[in-house]
Amino acid sequence: MSLRDRFTEAMKTAMKARETKRLGAIRLMLADVQKQGIATKNENLSDDEILAVLARMIKQREDSATAFDAGGRPEMAANERDEITVIREFMPKQMSDDDARAAINDVIAATGAASPKDMGKVMAALKERYTGAMDFGKASGLVKEALTPK
């Protein structure tokens, strides 16, 4: 079942159960996926492209929640975190740090990367293989650490 089909089924279920917050989050996901399709002039995004959109949505909401906490708006931060929870249901299980390190070492070996100058090549390969399953913010630090001579 494609991600779009899963969104549609989840939306129907949320409507029937009258889960307004969940329904709102699912509609936001569908809207962002549609915006990405329009922006790329490709209405039929692949599941990997949709996962990239969802990862961006999670990052935006994490930043917003942090800003709301800093601004003394815990109820708004809680709303953002609720949306993150719904979005994560559609994402593959995130890799642990140990799994991420192993994957990074495999990609470094496969690409022949030897210095921090090769970081872009490694990150591109990681994004190609592990979209949705790896936090690329953390991964870039791990890649830099692995490529920096000790």
Protein backbone atom coordinates (compact mmCIF):
# COMPACT_ATOMS: atom_id res chain seq x y z
CA MET A 1 0.00 0.00 0.00
CA SER A 2 1.46 3.36 -1.00
CA LEU A 3 1.81 6.20 1.46
CA ARG A 4 -0.96 8.17 -0.26
CA ASP A 5 -3.31 5.20 0.19
CA ARG A 6 -2.31 4.97 3.85
CA PHE A 7 -3.05 8.70 4.27
CA THR A 8 -6.49 8.27 2.73
CA GLU A 9 -7.34 5.26 4.92
CA ALA A 10 -6.08 7.02 8.05
CA MET A 11 -8.12 10.11 7.14
CA LYS A 12 -11.31 8.03 6.75
CA THR A 13 -10.67 6.31 10.07
CA ALA A 14 -10.05 9.62 11.84
CA MET A 15 -13.24 11.09 10.36
CA LYS A 16 -15.31 8.12 11.52
CA ALA A 17 -13.77 8.25 15.00
CA ARG A 18 -14.16 12.06 15.12
CA GLU A 19 -10.47 12.52 15.97
CA THR A 20 -10.17 16.16 14.94
CA LYS A 21 -6.50 16.69 15.83
CA ARG A 22 -5.42 13.53 14.00
CA LEU A 23 -7.58 14.41 11.01
CA GLY A 24 -6.07 17.90 10.88
CA ALA A 25 -2.53 16.52 10.94
CA ILE A 26 -3.29 14.04 8.15
CA ARG A 27 -4.84 16.79 6.03
CA LEU A 28 -1.72 18.91 6.57
CA MET A 29 0.44 16.00 5.36
CA LEU A 30 -1.68 15.58 2.26
CA ALA A 31 -1.54 19.32 1.58
CA ASP A 32 2.26 19.43 1.92
CA VAL A 33 2.64 16.41 -0.36
CA GLN A 34 0.39 18.09 -2.92
CA LYS A 35 2.39 21.34 -2.67
CA GLN A 36 5.61 19.40 -3.28
CA GLY A 37 4.03 17.73 -6.29
CA ILE A 38 3.03 21.10 -7.71
CA ALA A 39 6.45 22.61 -6.98
CA THR A 40 8.26 19.78 -8.74
CA LYS A 41 5.66 19.54 -11.53
CA ASN A 42 5.27 15.87 -10.63
CA GLU A 43 1.82 15.04 -9.26
CA ASN A 44 2.78 11.40 -8.59
CA LEU A 45 5.53 11.64 -6.00
CA SER A 46 7.28 8.41 -5.07
CA ASP A 47 7.10 7.14 -1.50
CA ASP A 48 10.72 8.26 -0.96
CA GLU A 49 9.83 11.80 -2.04
CA ILE A 50 6.81 11.75 0.26
CA LEU A 51 9.01 10.55 3.13
CA ALA A 52 11.33 13.50 2.50
CA VAL A 53 8.32 15.85 2.76
CA LEU A 54 7.26 14.20 6.02
CA ALA A 55 10.80 14.45 7.43
CA ARG A 56 10.80 18.18 6.60
CA MET A 57 7.42 18.56 8.32
CA ILE A 58 8.74 16.88 11.46
CA LYS A 59 11.80 19.17 11.50
CA GLN A 60 9.58 22.26 11.11
CA ARG A 61 7.33 21.17 13.94
CA GLU A 62 10.25 20.38 16.24
CA ASP A 63 11.63 23.88 15.62
CA SER A 64 8.20 25.41 16.23
CA ALA A 65 7.70 23.44 19.46
CA THR A 66 11.08 24.64 20.73
CA ALA A 67 10.19 28.24 19.87
CA PHE A 68 6.80 27.95 21.56
CA ASP A 69 8.43 26.51 24.70
CA ALA A 70 10.93 29.38 24.74
CA GLY A 71 8.09 31.86 24.26
CA GLY A 72 6.07 30.50 27.16
CA ARG A 73 3.36 28.85 25.02
CA PRO A 74 3.33 25.21 26.21
CA GLU A 75 -0.14 24.52 24.77
CA MET A 76 1.05 25.46 21.28
CA ALA A 77 4.20 23.37 21.73
CA ALA A 78 2.02 20.42 22.76
CA ASN A 79 -0.06 20.83 19.57
CA GLU A 80 3.11 20.72 17.46
CA ARG A 81 4.30 17.59 19.27
CA ASP A 82 0.90 15.94 18.73
CA GLU A 83 1.28 16.56 14.99
CA ILE A 84 4.80 15.09 15.08
CA THR A 85 3.38 11.93 16.68
CA VAL A 86 0.83 11.52 13.87
CA ILE A 87 3.39 12.20 11.13
CA ARG A 88 5.85 9.66 12.61
CA GLU A 89 3.21 6.93 12.30
CA PHE A 90 3.75 7.06 8.54
CA MET A 91 7.54 7.10 8.68
CA PRO A 92 9.69 3.97 8.77
CA LYS A 93 11.27 3.09 12.09
CA GLN A 94 14.19 5.42 12.78
CA MET A 95 17.67 3.90 12.88
CA SER A 96 19.51 3.75 16.17
CA ASP A 97 22.81 5.61 16.46
CA ASP A 98 24.73 2.33 16.19
CA ASP A 99 22.81 1.30 13.06
CA ALA A 100 23.37 4.76 11.58
CA ARG A 101 27.12 4.54 12.24
CA ALA A 102 27.25 1.12 10.59
CA ALA A 103 25.31 2.39 7.56
CA ILE A 104 27.59 5.44 7.32
CA ASN A 105 30.69 3.27 7.44
CA ASP A 106 29.26 1.03 4.70
CA VAL A 107 28.50 4.03 2.48
CA ILE A 108 31.94 5.55 3.12
CA ALA A 109 33.54 2.26 2.06
CA ALA A 110 31.27 1.95 -1.00
CA THR A 111 31.89 5.51 -2.19
CA GLY A 112 35.61 5.53 -1.39
CA ALA A 113 35.27 8.73 0.64
CA ALA A 114 38.48 9.65 2.41
CA SER A 115 38.18 13.21 3.71
CA PRO A 116 35.59 15.77 4.78
CA LYS A 117 35.63 17.05 1.17
CA ASP A 118 33.74 13.86 0.22
CA MET A 119 30.96 14.52 2.73
CA GLY A 120 28.46 15.61 0.05
CA LYS A 121 28.94 12.40 -1.88
CA VAL A 122 28.39 10.32 1.27
CA MET A 123 25.31 12.31 2.34
CA ALA A 124 23.77 11.96 -1.13
CA ALA A 125 24.25 8.19 -1.02
CA LEU A 126 22.77 8.02 2.49
CA LYS A 127 19.71 10.03 1.42
CA GLU A 128 19.24 7.74 -1.55
CA ARG A 129 19.36 4.60 0.59
CA TYR A 130 17.88 5.64 3.94
CA THR A 131 15.29 8.37 3.29
CA GLY A 132 12.86 8.44 6.17
CA ALA A 133 14.77 5.94 8.28
CA MET A 134 17.72 8.16 9.18
CA ASP A 135 17.86 11.60 10.79
CA PHE A 136 20.18 13.39 8.36
CA GLY A 137 20.85 16.23 10.81
CA LYS A 138 22.50 13.76 13.18
CA ALA A 139 23.96 11.78 10.29
CA SER A 140 25.91 14.74 8.93
CA GLY A 141 27.72 15.09 12.26
CA LEU A 142 28.48 11.37 12.29
CA VAL A 143 29.74 11.49 8.69
CA LYS A 144 31.96 14.46 9.46
CA GLU A 145 33.31 12.65 12.51
CA ALA A 146 33.99 9.50 10.49
CA LEU A 147 35.75 11.38 7.67
CA THR A 148 37.88 13.64 9.88
CA PRO A 149 41.34 12.20 10.48
CA LYS A 150 42.08 11.61 14.13
